[in-house]
Amino acid sequence: MHDIRAIRENPAAFDAALSRRGLAGLSSQVLALDEARRARILAAETAQAAQNAASREVAAARARGDDAEFERLRALVAEKKAEVARLTEAARADDAALRELLMSLPNLPADDVPDGPDESGNVELRRWGTPRALDFAPLEHYQLPAMQAGMDFATAAKLSGSRFVVLSGAVARVHRALGQFMLDTHVAEHGLTETWTPVLVKPEMMLGTGQLPKFGEDSYQTTNGWWLIPTAEVTLTNIVHGETVAESTLPRRHVAHSQCFRSEAGSAGRDTAGMLRQHQFEKVEMVSITRPQDSAAEHERMTRCAEAILERLGLPYRTVVLCTGDMGFGATRTHDLEVWLPGQQTYREISSVSNCGAFQARRMNARFRPADGGKPEFVHTLNGSGLAVGRCLIAVLENGQQADGSVELPAALHPWLGGRSRITADGALA
């Protein structure tokens, strides 16, 4: 959410930043609501003061036996009381409208974020690894002979509908190993704190990280009002919801391996084959809570944590900075990691690492108390996939495919597979 004081002080800068995201001239709408709210609050305070003054004079009029003045003042008290109630309710409505408007506006892009209308405006920062030169036509993951026994979309459709999968045997084991490998690496080598959280959350938690109110159709809500998390970003970030933490406890670095649920609203017809875009999937999620002055460096550190997983697995990738037209709602700067998929002959997103600045912290009212005793400040929040497990499985399978239909598995995974190193063409772990 945005700082209303900053908008009041420099509406032109606010408009200029939002215009980079395709939204023009909104400061006037924000400030009109803000001015109406403040005017009604002032009027209510003035009416309350008049009511209080009249209330004090009522007793004096009664004491001196001035019945006419007593009745006049009593009527005035009742009138001012009604006026205070009306103005207070109107101010409350203006406040709700202002909050709803501010909640619906995306974060402001950092100055160094490239401008662009969509993914065509993204800028590549670096590449790692070279795609294998294959002497056969590569297949997509779901076409591999090794996957026919263990990747079952037909049964999943019978159970749940489209965009689900049933994994079994060797491929299920590799999927599990990937999640464990990522989690263990982040904890042991990157200093993140392993955390396990619920997958059902209250609406205010989704509001805090920006999934609500604007993007409710992208997630699933239960009949009793809980929401299924689209990512553990929701729970890990909201750990500091409504809290003021000591500066000495920052940065806080969490990592969680969780189930994630997304309705994929608006993605009809996109990536319908295979596991690339599912309603239910697993992700290893990283979240950092930092001081404002540390968040830019933390963003780079988190990006390297995600990149390190791909490098350990020997998967070629590229890192891009998203432009203003492709950046997520809550981010001020985002790095995407795109892994090479031989079956599609292209790079596809496998991780987004975002710095949200104080945007989510204002929504959550999450602050820190400076060590020098200064006024509490909003924390900065960051999140990133480290990595999406299903997409990483796709990359491992496609990059490890062999001409005979088998799959060679990355050496980094062997300890989590009991020393096994490949999936045979008939789907066995060997």
Protein backbone atom coordinates (compact mmCIF):
# COMPACT_ATOMS: atom_id res chain seq x y z
CA MET A 1 0.00 0.00 0.00
CA HIS A 2 1.12 3.56 -0.59
CA ASP A 3 2.03 6.26 1.92
CA ILE A 4 -0.70 8.90 1.72
CA ARG A 5 1.65 11.51 3.17
CA ALA A 6 4.13 10.95 0.34
CA ILE A 7 1.33 11.39 -2.20
CA ARG A 8 0.23 14.64 -0.54
CA GLU A 9 3.79 15.97 -0.52
CA ASN A 10 4.65 15.06 -4.11
CA PRO A 11 1.66 14.01 -6.22
CA ALA A 12 3.56 14.63 -9.45
CA ALA A 13 6.23 12.07 -8.52
CA PHE A 14 3.54 9.54 -7.58
CA ASP A 15 1.77 10.03 -10.92
CA ALA A 16 5.04 9.82 -12.86
CA ALA A 17 5.95 6.51 -11.19
CA LEU A 18 2.50 4.97 -11.69
CA SER A 19 2.41 6.13 -15.31
CA ARG A 20 5.38 3.81 -15.92
CA ARG A 21 3.00 0.99 -15.04
CA GLY A 22 0.30 2.26 -17.39
CA LEU A 23 -1.77 4.12 -14.77
CA ALA A 24 -2.14 7.86 -15.27
CA GLY A 25 -3.25 10.80 -13.12
CA LEU A 26 -4.47 8.90 -10.06
CA SER A 27 -3.11 11.29 -7.43
CA SER A 28 -6.06 13.66 -7.98
CA GLN A 29 -8.54 10.87 -7.22
CA VAL A 30 -6.56 9.79 -4.15
CA LEU A 31 -6.19 13.32 -2.84
CA ALA A 32 -9.86 14.20 -3.43
CA LEU A 33 -10.89 11.27 -1.19
CA ASP A 34 -8.22 12.19 1.33
CA GLU A 35 -9.31 15.85 1.45
CA ALA A 36 -12.99 14.92 1.83
CA ARG A 37 -12.12 12.53 4.65
CA ARG A 38 -9.99 15.09 6.46
CA ALA A 39 -12.63 17.83 6.03
CA ARG A 40 -15.32 15.61 7.56
CA ILE A 41 -13.01 14.62 10.42
CA LEU A 42 -12.36 18.32 11.14
CA ALA A 43 -16.08 19.12 10.93
CA ALA A 44 -16.84 16.23 13.28
CA GLU A 45 -14.24 17.49 15.75
CA THR A 46 -15.71 21.01 15.56
CA ALA A 47 -19.23 19.68 16.15
CA GLN A 48 -17.95 17.55 19.04
CA ALA A 49 -16.37 20.62 20.64
CA ALA A 50 -19.68 22.53 20.30
CA GLN A 51 -21.54 19.56 21.81
CA ASN A 52 -19.14 19.42 24.75
CA ALA A 53 -19.44 23.17 25.36
CA ALA A 54 -23.24 23.05 25.24
CA SER A 55 -23.25 20.07 27.58
CA ARG A 56 -21.31 22.03 30.17
CA GLU A 57 -23.73 24.99 29.88
CA VAL A 58 -26.81 22.77 30.32
CA ALA A 59 -26.01 22.15 33.95
CA ALA A 60 -25.39 25.85 34.57
CA ALA A 61 -28.74 26.83 32.98
CA ARG A 62 -30.57 24.29 35.13
CA ALA A 63 -28.78 25.52 38.25
CA ARG A 64 -29.92 29.09 37.71
CA GLY A 65 -33.46 27.98 36.80
CA ASP A 66 -33.39 29.26 33.22
CA ASP A 67 -35.75 26.69 31.72
CA ALA A 68 -35.82 28.22 28.25
CA GLU A 69 -32.03 28.24 27.98
CA PHE A 70 -31.90 24.76 29.45
CA GLU A 71 -34.22 23.40 26.73
CA ARG A 72 -32.37 25.29 23.98
CA LEU A 73 -29.02 23.94 25.07
CA ARG A 74 -30.35 20.41 25.49
CA ALA A 75 -31.72 20.54 21.92
CA LEU A 76 -28.36 21.89 20.72
CA VAL A 77 -26.53 19.00 22.40
CA ALA A 78 -28.82 16.49 20.68
CA GLU A 79 -28.37 18.26 17.34
CA LYS A 80 -24.57 18.31 17.63
CA LYS A 81 -24.52 14.68 18.76
CA ALA A 82 -26.42 13.67 15.62
CA GLU A 83 -24.13 15.83 13.50
CA VAL A 84 -21.03 14.22 15.01
CA ALA A 85 -22.42 10.75 14.31
CA ARG A 86 -23.30 11.67 10.70
CA LEU A 87 -19.92 13.26 9.99
CA THR A 88 -18.01 10.44 11.68
CA GLU A 89 -19.84 7.85 9.59
CA ALA A 90 -19.19 9.86 6.41
CA ALA A 91 -15.49 10.16 7.32
CA ARG A 92 -15.40 6.41 7.98
CA ALA A 93 -16.89 5.77 4.52
CA ASP A 94 -14.35 8.12 2.91
CA ASP A 95 -11.55 6.38 4.78
CA ALA A 96 -12.75 2.97 3.55
CA ALA A 97 -12.97 4.25 -0.04
CA LEU A 98 -9.48 5.75 0.19
CA ARG A 99 -8.06 2.55 1.64
CA GLU A 100 -9.75 0.46 -1.04
CA LEU A 101 -8.32 2.69 -3.76
CA LEU A 102 -4.80 2.62 -2.29
CA MET A 103 -5.05 -1.17 -1.86
CA SER A 104 -5.88 -1.55 -5.56
CA LEU A 105 -2.84 0.36 -6.84
CA PRO A 106 0.40 -1.51 -7.61
CA ASN A 107 3.77 -0.77 -6.09
CA LEU A 108 5.91 1.94 -7.66
CA PRO A 109 8.77 0.64 -9.80
CA ALA A 110 12.32 1.33 -8.70
CA ASP A 111 14.11 3.99 -10.72
CA ASP A 112 16.41 1.43 -12.39
CA VAL A 113 13.59 -0.87 -13.55
CA PRO A 114 13.39 -0.79 -17.37
CA ASP A 115 10.24 0.59 -18.98
CA GLY A 116 8.26 -1.71 -21.24
CA PRO A 117 4.72 -2.83 -22.04
CA ASP A 118 5.16 -6.57 -21.42
CA GLU A 119 7.80 -9.32 -21.30
CA SER A 120 9.31 -7.97 -24.53
CA GLY A 121 10.72 -5.13 -22.42
CA ASN A 122 12.56 -7.37 -19.95
CA VAL A 123 16.35 -7.01 -19.89
CA GLU A 124 18.74 -9.93 -19.59
CA LEU A 125 21.31 -9.53 -16.84
CA ARG A 126 23.38 -12.69 -17.29
CA ARG A 127 23.42 -16.31 -18.45
CA TRP A 128 24.89 -19.44 -16.97
CA GLY A 129 25.59 -22.76 -18.68
CA THR A 130 25.32 -23.85 -22.28
CA PRO A 131 22.40 -25.96 -23.53
CA ARG A 132 23.46 -29.47 -24.58
CA ALA A 133 23.96 -30.10 -28.25
CA LEU A 134 21.67 -33.09 -28.90
CA ASP A 135 22.01 -35.45 -31.84
CA PHE A 136 18.33 -36.36 -31.62
CA ALA A 137 15.07 -34.43 -31.57
CA PRO A 138 14.40 -33.47 -27.92
CA LEU A 139 11.03 -34.27 -26.37
CA GLU A 140 8.98 -32.35 -23.85
CA HIS A 141 8.88 -33.84 -20.36
CA TYR A 142 5.48 -35.51 -20.69
CA GLN A 143 6.52 -37.15 -23.99
CA LEU A 144 9.59 -38.90 -22.58
CA PRO A 145 9.39 -42.72 -22.56
CA ALA A 146 10.74 -42.70 -19.00
CA MET A 147 7.68 -40.69 -17.90
CA GLN A 148 4.92 -42.81 -19.39
CA ALA A 149 4.65 -45.04 -16.32
CA GLY A 150 4.91 -42.36 -13.64
CA MET A 151 3.31 -39.15 -14.95
CA ASP A 152 -0.44 -39.74 -15.21
CA PHE A 153 -2.62 -36.87 -16.40
CA ALA A 154 -5.63 -39.04 -17.28
CA THR A 155 -6.08 -40.33 -13.74
CA ALA A 156 -5.55 -36.83 -12.34
CA ALA A 157 -8.28 -35.51 -14.67
CA LYS A 158 -10.61 -38.25 -13.44
CA LEU A 159 -9.86 -37.31 -9.84
CA SER A 160 -9.76 -33.52 -10.08
CA GLY A 161 -10.09 -32.21 -13.63
CA SER A 162 -7.59 -30.53 -15.92
CA ARG A 163 -4.25 -29.05 -14.81
CA PHE A 164 -3.50 -31.76 -12.26
CA VAL A 165 -1.10 -34.71 -12.36
CA VAL A 166 -0.53 -37.97 -10.49
CA LEU A 167 3.15 -38.81 -10.05
CA SER A 168 4.32 -42.26 -9.04
CA GLY A 169 7.41 -44.43 -8.87
CA ALA A 170 10.73 -42.99 -9.98
CA VAL A 171 9.43 -39.59 -11.07
CA ALA A 172 7.62 -39.09 -7.74
CA ARG A 173 10.87 -39.95 -5.95
CA VAL A 174 12.83 -37.43 -8.03
CA HIS A 175 10.16 -34.78 -7.41
CA ARG A 176 10.45 -35.33 -3.65
CA ALA A 177 14.25 -35.36 -3.82
CA LEU A 178 14.29 -32.01 -5.58
CA GLY A 179 12.27 -30.34 -2.84
CA GLN A 180 14.47 -31.83 -0.13
CA PHE A 181 17.66 -30.89 -1.98
CA MET A 182 16.50 -27.27 -2.34
CA LEU A 183 15.38 -26.97 1.26
CA ASP A 184 18.54 -28.56 2.69
CA THR A 185 20.78 -26.39 0.49
CA HIS A 186 19.07 -23.16 1.49
CA VAL A 187 19.29 -24.05 5.18
CA ALA A 188 22.83 -25.46 5.28
CA GLU A 189 24.54 -23.24 2.72
CA HIS A 190 22.46 -20.07 2.45
CA GLY A 191 21.58 -19.50 6.09
CA LEU A 192 17.79 -19.53 5.74
CA THR A 193 15.58 -20.73 8.59
CA GLU A 194 13.46 -23.75 7.69
CA THR A 195 9.82 -22.94 8.41
CA TRP A 196 6.60 -24.92 8.08
CA THR A 197 3.35 -22.99 7.84
CA PRO A 198 -0.38 -23.61 7.21
CA VAL A 199 -1.73 -23.62 3.66
CA LEU A 200 -5.06 -22.14 4.81
CA VAL A 201 -5.05 -18.48 5.81
CA LYS A 202 -7.41 -15.71 6.89
CA PRO A 203 -8.43 -13.08 4.30
CA GLU A 204 -6.37 -10.40 6.04
CA MET A 205 -3.20 -12.41 5.37
CA MET A 206 -3.94 -12.47 1.62
CA LEU A 207 -4.68 -8.75 1.87
CA GLY A 208 -1.34 -8.16 3.58
CA THR A 209 0.74 -9.60 0.75
CA GLY A 210 -1.42 -8.17 -2.05
CA GLN A 211 -3.42 -11.16 -3.33
CA LEU A 212 -6.58 -9.41 -2.13
CA PRO A 213 -8.67 -7.51 -2.93
CA LYS A 214 -7.67 -7.23 -6.58
CA PHE A 215 -6.62 -10.79 -7.40
CA GLY A 216 -9.09 -12.95 -5.51
CA GLU A 217 -10.10 -14.82 -8.66
CA ASP A 218 -6.55 -16.19 -8.95
CA SER A 219 -6.86 -18.16 -5.71
CA TYR A 220 -9.25 -20.57 -4.01
CA GLN A 221 -11.46 -19.71 -1.03
CA THR A 222 -13.08 -22.30 1.24
CA THR A 223 -16.72 -22.15 2.28
CA ASN A 224 -15.77 -20.92 5.78
CA GLY A 225 -13.70 -18.00 4.47
CA TRP A 226 -10.17 -19.38 4.57
CA TRP A 227 -7.98 -19.04 1.49
CA LEU A 228 -5.62 -21.66 0.08
CA ILE A 229 -2.21 -20.07 -0.30
CA PRO A 230 -0.92 -19.48 -3.85
CA THR A 231 2.60 -19.47 -2.40
CA ALA A 232 4.22 -19.65 1.04
CA GLU A 233 5.11 -15.99 0.53
CA VAL A 234 1.70 -15.30 2.10
CA THR A 235 2.39 -17.10 5.36
CA LEU A 236 6.11 -16.42 5.69
CA THR A 237 5.73 -12.68 5.10
CA ASN A 238 2.73 -12.36 7.40
CA ILE A 239 4.68 -13.81 10.32
CA VAL A 240 5.44 -10.15 11.14
CA HIS A 241 1.87 -8.98 10.43
CA GLY A 242 0.86 -6.31 12.97
CA GLU A 243 4.17 -6.55 14.84
CA THR A 244 6.96 -4.13 15.71
CA VAL A 245 10.17 -6.16 15.88
CA ALA A 246 13.56 -5.19 17.24
CA GLU A 247 16.08 -4.00 14.66
CA SER A 248 18.57 -6.50 16.10
CA THR A 249 16.38 -9.39 14.85
CA LEU A 250 16.73 -8.29 11.20
CA PRO A 251 17.24 -9.62 8.65
CA ARG A 252 14.87 -12.54 9.09
CA ARG A 253 15.33 -15.16 6.40
CA HIS A 254 12.81 -17.94 6.02
CA VAL A 255 12.42 -20.85 3.64
CA ALA A 256 9.44 -23.19 3.35
CA HIS A 257 8.54 -26.15 1.17
CA SER A 258 4.78 -26.09 0.67
CA GLN A 259 1.85 -27.03 -1.48
CA CYS A 260 0.56 -24.08 -3.52
CA PHE A 261 -2.85 -23.58 -5.13
CA ARG A 262 -3.75 -21.28 -8.02
CA SER A 263 -6.88 -21.08 -10.12
CA GLU A 264 -4.84 -19.95 -13.15
CA ALA A 265 -7.62 -17.51 -14.03
CA GLY A 266 -6.96 -15.90 -17.37
CA SER A 267 -4.53 -18.59 -18.52
CA ALA A 268 -7.00 -20.65 -20.55
CA GLY A 269 -5.25 -22.26 -23.49
CA ARG A 270 -1.75 -21.56 -22.17
CA ASP A 271 0.59 -24.45 -21.33
CA THR A 272 -2.25 -26.95 -21.14
CA ALA A 273 0.00 -29.93 -21.90
CA GLY A 274 2.23 -31.36 -19.18
CA MET A 275 3.11 -30.00 -15.75
CA LEU A 276 4.15 -26.44 -16.57
CA ARG A 277 0.98 -24.72 -15.34
CA GLN A 278 -0.93 -26.57 -12.62
CA HIS A 279 -3.67 -25.75 -10.10
CA GLN A 280 -1.72 -27.57 -7.35
CA PHE A 281 2.06 -27.64 -7.17
CA GLU A 282 4.98 -27.50 -4.77
CA LYS A 283 7.41 -24.68 -4.27
CA VAL A 284 10.36 -23.94 -2.05
CA GLU A 285 9.81 -20.30 -1.12
CA MET A 286 12.28 -17.81 0.34
CA VAL A 287 11.18 -14.71 2.28
CA SER A 288 13.37 -12.04 3.85
CA ILE A 289 12.35 -9.26 6.24
CA THR A 290 14.94 -6.47 6.32
CA ARG A 291 15.70 -2.88 7.18
CA PRO A 292 15.00 -0.46 4.28
CA GLN A 293 18.67 0.26 3.69
CA ASP A 294 19.44 -3.46 3.31
CA SER A 295 16.73 -4.60 0.92
CA ALA A 296 18.54 -3.91 -2.38
CA ALA A 297 21.53 -6.00 -1.32
CA GLU A 298 19.20 -8.67 0.06
CA HIS A 299 17.46 -8.84 -3.30
CA GLU A 300 20.76 -9.65 -5.00
CA ARG A 301 21.61 -12.21 -2.30
CA MET A 302 18.27 -13.99 -2.70
CA THR A 303 18.67 -14.05 -6.48
CA ARG A 304 22.04 -15.75 -6.04
CA CYS A 305 20.48 -18.32 -3.68
CA ALA A 306 18.01 -19.30 -6.40
CA GLU A 307 20.67 -19.26 -9.11
CA ALA A 308 22.88 -21.52 -7.00
CA ILE A 309 20.22 -24.25 -7.03
CA LEU A 310 20.13 -24.25 -10.83
CA GLU A 311 23.91 -24.27 -11.02
CA ARG A 312 24.20 -27.19 -8.61
CA LEU A 313 21.76 -29.09 -10.82
CA GLY A 314 23.70 -28.15 -13.97
CA LEU A 315 20.67 -26.49 -15.58
CA PRO A 316 21.40 -23.66 -18.06
CA TYR A 317 19.50 -20.50 -17.19
CA ARG A 318 19.33 -16.78 -17.74
CA THR A 319 18.49 -14.03 -15.26
CA VAL A 320 16.38 -11.09 -16.40
CA VAL A 321 15.11 -7.94 -14.71
CA LEU A 322 11.40 -7.48 -15.39
CA CYS A 323 10.21 -4.29 -17.01
CA THR A 324 7.41 -2.13 -15.64
CA GLY A 325 4.76 -3.85 -17.77
CA ASP A 326 5.67 -7.38 -16.70
CA MET A 327 6.38 -6.83 -13.01
CA GLY A 328 4.07 -8.23 -10.35
CA PHE A 329 1.59 -6.10 -8.40
CA GLY A 330 3.55 -5.87 -5.14
CA ALA A 331 7.10 -5.61 -6.49
CA THR A 332 9.30 -2.58 -6.86
CA ARG A 333 11.95 -4.68 -8.67
CA THR A 334 11.89 -8.31 -9.82
CA HIS A 335 14.47 -10.73 -11.17
CA ASP A 336 13.18 -13.74 -13.10
CA LEU A 337 15.26 -16.87 -13.55
CA GLU A 338 14.45 -18.69 -16.77
CA VAL A 339 15.67 -22.25 -17.23
CA TRP A 340 16.44 -23.85 -20.60
CA LEU A 341 13.86 -26.42 -21.72
CA PRO A 342 15.13 -28.47 -24.69
CA GLY A 343 11.64 -29.77 -25.48
CA GLN A 344 10.44 -26.21 -26.14
CA GLN A 345 13.81 -24.91 -27.30
CA THR A 346 13.43 -21.85 -25.12
CA TYR A 347 13.97 -20.46 -21.64
CA ARG A 348 10.96 -20.57 -19.28
CA GLU A 349 10.47 -18.93 -15.89
CA ILE A 350 11.35 -21.09 -12.90
CA SER A 351 11.78 -18.40 -10.23
CA SER A 352 10.77 -14.80 -9.54
CA VAL A 353 12.66 -12.92 -6.83
CA SER A 354 11.05 -9.62 -5.84
CA ASN A 355 11.84 -6.71 -3.58
CA CYS A 356 8.53 -5.26 -2.36
CA GLY A 357 10.04 -2.43 -0.31
CA ALA A 358 7.58 -1.18 2.34
CA PHE A 359 4.54 -1.89 0.14
CA GLN A 360 3.47 -5.10 1.90
CA ALA A 361 4.63 -3.84 5.30
CA ARG A 362 2.14 -0.95 5.17
CA ARG A 363 -0.65 -3.37 4.32
CA MET A 364 0.41 -5.60 7.23
CA ASN A 365 1.42 -2.77 9.59
CA ALA A 366 4.77 -4.47 10.12
CA ARG A 367 7.52 -2.30 11.58
CA PHE A 368 10.86 -2.46 13.35
CA ARG A 369 12.09 -0.48 16.32
CA PRO A 370 15.49 1.14 15.60
CA ALA A 371 18.27 0.19 17.98
CA ASP A 372 18.99 3.87 18.67
CA GLY A 373 15.48 4.34 20.06
CA GLY A 374 14.11 6.24 17.07
CA LYS A 375 10.57 6.13 15.77
CA PRO A 376 9.45 2.69 14.47
CA GLU A 377 9.78 2.27 10.69
CA PHE A 378 8.19 -0.08 8.19
CA VAL A 379 10.26 -3.14 7.37
CA HIS A 380 11.03 -4.12 3.79
CA THR A 381 9.85 -7.51 2.53
CA LEU A 382 11.28 -9.71 -0.21
CA ASN A 383 10.20 -13.05 -1.64
CA GLY A 384 11.45 -15.50 -4.21
CA SER A 385 11.07 -19.05 -5.47
CA GLY A 386 13.99 -21.21 -4.61
CA LEU A 387 12.64 -23.00 -6.74
CA ALA A 388 9.30 -24.11 -8.16
CA VAL A 389 9.65 -27.88 -7.66
CA GLY A 390 7.46 -29.04 -10.54
CA ARG A 391 9.11 -26.74 -13.05
CA CYS A 392 12.51 -27.81 -11.80
CA LEU A 393 11.46 -31.45 -12.33
CA ILE A 394 10.53 -30.58 -15.92
CA ALA A 395 13.94 -28.98 -16.46
CA VAL A 396 15.82 -31.92 -14.94
CA LEU A 397 13.93 -34.42 -17.08
CA GLU A 398 14.24 -32.52 -20.34
CA ASN A 399 17.89 -31.55 -19.90
CA GLY A 400 18.83 -35.06 -18.84
CA GLN A 401 16.99 -36.91 -21.61
CA GLN A 402 18.91 -39.43 -23.65
CA ALA A 403 18.40 -40.80 -27.16
CA ASP A 404 17.24 -44.17 -25.78
CA GLY A 405 14.39 -42.54 -23.81
CA SER A 406 16.10 -42.69 -20.42
CA VAL A 407 16.98 -39.66 -18.23
CA GLU A 408 20.35 -38.97 -16.62
CA LEU A 409 19.86 -37.21 -13.27
CA PRO A 410 22.10 -34.42 -11.88
CA ALA A 411 24.90 -35.59 -9.58
CA ALA A 412 23.73 -33.13 -6.92
CA LEU A 413 20.53 -35.17 -6.53
CA HIS A 414 22.17 -38.57 -6.13
CA PRO A 415 22.52 -38.39 -2.31
CA TRP A 416 18.75 -37.72 -2.04
CA LEU A 417 18.04 -40.70 -4.33
CA GLY A 418 20.00 -43.34 -2.44
CA GLY A 419 22.83 -43.10 -4.96
CA ARG A 420 20.59 -43.71 -7.98
CA SER A 421 21.56 -41.66 -11.01
CA ARG A 422 19.07 -42.24 -13.81
CA ILE A 423 15.53 -43.13 -14.79
CA THR A 424 15.45 -45.92 -17.34
CA ALA A 425 13.37 -45.77 -20.49
CA ASP A 426 10.78 -47.99 -18.83
CA GLY A 427 10.49 -45.64 -15.82
CA ALA A 428 12.64 -47.34 -13.17
CA LEU A 429 15.10 -45.56 -10.91
CA ALA A 430 18.57 -47.02 -11.41
